[in-house]
Amino acid sequence: MKRRPRDIGTVAETAVVRYLHTAGFPHAERRSLRGAFDAGDITGCPGLCFEVKGGDAARTASDLTITRWMAELATEVTNAKADVGLLVVQRAGVGPGNAGRWWAYMPAFQVADLAAPEPLPGSGHAFPVRMLLADAVALLRAAGYGEPDRPVVAPFSPSAGIGIGADTVNLPGEDAA
């Protein structure tokens, strides 16, 4: 039986919320529908607006589809009065249990603002930058979002290998710690 779009959205949003709980955002939760004044799919993360896409539409999304979803996100960021917006898109071959490995898109100017304490020249670019959700969350945490008492970990950085804790896998050319 084919899943309804609402069910697909629920599964994807729940997967992202579960990941956020483990990544320093313990108050993240699915937001109820708000109609014309949509403020994103996840609440409980002050200053942040998440738009989550799952299912076949996400796994096969074209550049044009991503552009449309980024425009939707921009409206939701305004409605939510958020500082930062993230479009989270399920990747082909990566299930809900690994939502940290889904794609996260942010406008380039937001990535630049999060990464640099001072604004960079020409940082008004709105083109999307794609990264893993885990890396986007690490960037957000380093910029002061989330719970301050939890360590900031970028589990997919080349210097840290891939994975968390004892399951870390070093990349080719990296020495085992």
Protein backbone atom coordinates (compact mmCIF):
# COMPACT_ATOMS: atom_id res chain seq x y z
CA MET A 1 0.00 0.00 0.00
CA LYS A 2 1.30 3.44 -0.95
CA ARG A 3 2.07 5.88 1.88
CA ARG A 4 0.25 9.19 2.05
CA PRO A 5 2.38 12.36 1.86
CA ARG A 6 1.44 13.25 5.43
CA ASP A 7 2.71 9.85 6.67
CA ILE A 8 5.97 10.26 4.72
CA GLY A 9 6.44 13.70 6.30
CA THR A 10 5.75 12.36 9.78
CA VAL A 11 8.39 9.62 9.41
CA ALA A 12 11.00 12.06 8.09
CA GLU A 13 10.30 14.75 10.70
CA THR A 14 10.37 12.20 13.52
CA ALA A 15 13.73 10.88 12.29
CA VAL A 16 15.23 14.39 12.31
CA VAL A 17 13.81 15.16 15.76
CA ARG A 18 15.30 11.93 17.14
CA TYR A 19 18.67 12.83 15.67
CA LEU A 20 18.49 16.38 17.08
CA HIS A 21 17.77 14.99 20.56
CA THR A 22 21.09 13.14 20.48
CA ALA A 23 22.96 16.11 18.98
CA GLY A 24 22.37 18.82 21.57
CA PHE A 25 18.77 19.87 20.88
CA PRO A 26 16.79 17.92 23.52
CA HIS A 27 13.69 20.12 23.20
CA ALA A 28 13.21 19.57 19.45
CA GLU A 29 9.75 18.36 18.50
CA ARG A 30 7.50 18.17 15.47
CA ARG A 31 5.48 21.33 14.94
CA SER A 32 1.76 21.10 14.31
CA LEU A 33 0.55 22.42 10.97
CA ARG A 34 0.02 26.19 10.83
CA GLY A 35 -1.55 26.67 7.41
CA ALA A 36 -0.60 29.84 5.51
CA PHE A 37 1.81 30.94 8.26
CA ASP A 38 3.95 27.79 8.20
CA ALA A 39 6.98 28.23 10.46
CA GLY A 40 8.80 25.00 9.60
CA ASP A 41 8.46 21.39 10.63
CA ILE A 42 10.40 21.35 13.91
CA THR A 43 10.13 23.57 16.97
CA GLY A 44 11.98 23.69 20.30
CA CYS A 45 15.24 24.94 18.74
CA PRO A 46 15.24 28.72 19.40
CA GLY A 47 16.47 30.77 16.46
CA LEU A 48 16.29 27.83 14.04
CA CYS A 49 13.76 26.82 11.40
CA PHE A 50 13.82 23.31 9.92
CA GLU A 51 11.98 22.23 6.78
CA VAL A 52 12.16 18.43 6.38
CA LYS A 53 11.53 16.49 3.18
CA GLY A 54 11.39 12.69 2.96
CA GLY A 55 10.27 9.87 0.72
CA ASP A 56 10.81 9.44 -3.01
CA ALA A 57 10.38 13.17 -3.71
CA ALA A 58 13.34 13.92 -1.43
CA ARG A 59 15.52 11.02 -2.51
CA THR A 60 15.18 12.00 -6.19
CA ALA A 61 14.94 15.79 -5.81
CA SER A 62 16.23 17.82 -8.75
CA ASP A 63 18.08 21.13 -8.47
CA LEU A 64 14.84 22.92 -9.38
CA THR A 65 12.98 21.10 -6.60
CA ILE A 66 15.68 22.08 -4.07
CA THR A 67 15.42 25.70 -5.25
CA ARG A 68 11.65 25.65 -4.71
CA TRP A 69 12.03 24.10 -1.26
CA MET A 70 14.67 26.72 -0.36
CA ALA A 71 12.18 29.46 -1.32
CA GLU A 72 9.58 27.75 0.90
CA LEU A 73 12.15 27.66 3.71
CA ALA A 74 12.87 31.40 3.33
CA THR A 75 9.17 32.15 3.92
CA GLU A 76 9.08 29.83 6.92
CA VAL A 77 12.19 31.46 8.44
CA THR A 78 10.39 34.81 8.25
CA ASN A 79 7.19 33.35 9.73
CA ALA A 80 9.17 31.69 12.55
CA LYS A 81 11.24 34.86 13.16
CA ALA A 82 14.27 32.55 13.07
CA ASP A 83 17.93 33.44 12.54
CA VAL A 84 18.84 30.36 10.52
CA GLY A 85 16.91 28.03 8.24
CA LEU A 86 17.83 24.48 7.27
CA LEU A 87 16.27 22.35 4.57
CA VAL A 88 16.81 18.70 5.53
CA VAL A 89 16.38 16.20 2.68
CA GLN A 90 16.42 12.42 2.99
CA ARG A 91 19.19 10.83 0.91
CA ALA A 92 18.74 7.81 -1.32
CA GLY A 93 19.89 4.70 0.51
CA VAL A 94 19.96 6.40 3.92
CA GLY A 95 17.04 5.47 6.15
CA PRO A 96 15.40 7.30 9.06
CA GLY A 97 17.75 5.68 11.60
CA ASN A 98 20.65 7.58 10.03
CA ALA A 99 19.09 11.04 9.69
CA GLY A 100 22.41 12.63 10.66
CA ARG A 101 23.64 11.51 7.23
CA TRP A 102 20.77 13.18 5.36
CA TRP A 103 21.49 16.35 3.38
CA ALA A 104 21.09 19.74 5.01
CA TYR A 105 20.92 22.83 2.81
CA MET A 106 21.46 26.39 3.97
CA PRO A 107 21.90 29.62 2.02
CA ALA A 108 25.61 30.39 1.57
CA PHE A 109 25.35 33.65 3.52
CA GLN A 110 24.07 31.74 6.56
CA VAL A 111 26.93 29.24 6.40
CA ALA A 112 29.40 32.14 6.16
CA ASP A 113 27.75 33.95 9.08
CA LEU A 114 27.84 30.82 11.24
CA ALA A 115 31.44 29.98 10.38
CA ALA A 116 32.97 33.46 10.79
CA PRO A 117 32.57 35.73 13.81
CA GLU A 118 32.80 38.78 11.52
CA PRO A 119 30.70 39.10 8.35
CA LEU A 120 32.61 38.14 5.22
CA PRO A 121 32.73 40.53 2.25
CA GLY A 122 30.08 39.65 -0.30
CA SER A 123 28.34 37.22 2.05
CA GLY A 124 24.86 38.08 0.78
CA HIS A 125 24.79 35.06 -1.51
CA ALA A 126 21.60 33.02 -1.28
CA PHE A 127 22.66 29.96 -3.30
CA PRO A 128 22.27 26.69 -1.36
CA VAL A 129 25.19 24.95 0.31
CA ARG A 130 24.76 21.22 0.90
CA MET A 131 26.32 19.30 3.79
CA LEU A 132 25.43 16.39 6.05
CA LEU A 133 22.89 17.20 8.75
CA ALA A 134 25.47 16.09 11.36
CA ASP A 135 27.95 18.66 10.06
CA ALA A 136 25.31 21.40 9.89
CA VAL A 137 24.36 20.67 13.51
CA ALA A 138 28.04 20.82 14.55
CA LEU A 139 28.30 24.22 12.82
CA LEU A 140 25.14 25.43 14.61
CA ARG A 141 26.43 24.18 17.97
CA ALA A 142 29.81 25.88 17.44
CA ALA A 143 27.89 29.12 16.73
CA GLY A 144 26.07 28.83 20.08
CA TYR A 145 22.80 27.09 19.20
CA GLY A 146 21.55 24.10 21.20
CA GLU A 147 22.38 23.01 24.73
CA PRO A 148 25.62 24.59 25.96
CA ASP A 149 26.57 21.73 28.30
CA ARG A 150 26.90 19.12 25.54
CA PRO A 151 30.16 18.71 23.60
CA VAL A 152 30.25 19.84 19.98
CA VAL A 153 31.12 16.87 17.77
CA ALA A 154 31.47 16.79 13.99
CA PRO A 155 31.34 13.01 13.50
CA PHE A 156 31.96 13.18 9.78
CA SER A 157 34.99 15.51 9.67
CA PRO A 158 38.05 14.09 7.89
CA SER A 159 40.28 14.76 10.91
CA ALA A 160 37.94 12.82 13.22
CA GLY A 161 37.31 9.91 10.86
CA ILE A 162 33.78 8.80 10.13
CA GLY A 163 31.48 7.63 12.90
CA ILE A 164 31.03 8.26 16.59
CA GLY A 165 32.95 6.84 19.52
CA ALA A 166 34.45 3.38 19.23
CA ASP A 167 32.89 2.93 15.80
CA THR A 168 35.04 5.67 14.22
CA VAL A 169 36.51 4.65 10.88
CA ASN A 170 39.62 6.50 9.74
CA LEU A 171 39.69 7.78 6.20
CA PRO A 172 42.41 6.61 3.80
CA GLY A 173 45.69 8.26 4.72
CA GLU A 174 44.60 8.93 8.31
CA ASP A 175 46.46 7.36 11.22
CA ALA A 176 44.48 5.37 13.76
CA ALA A 177 44.32 7.16 17.13
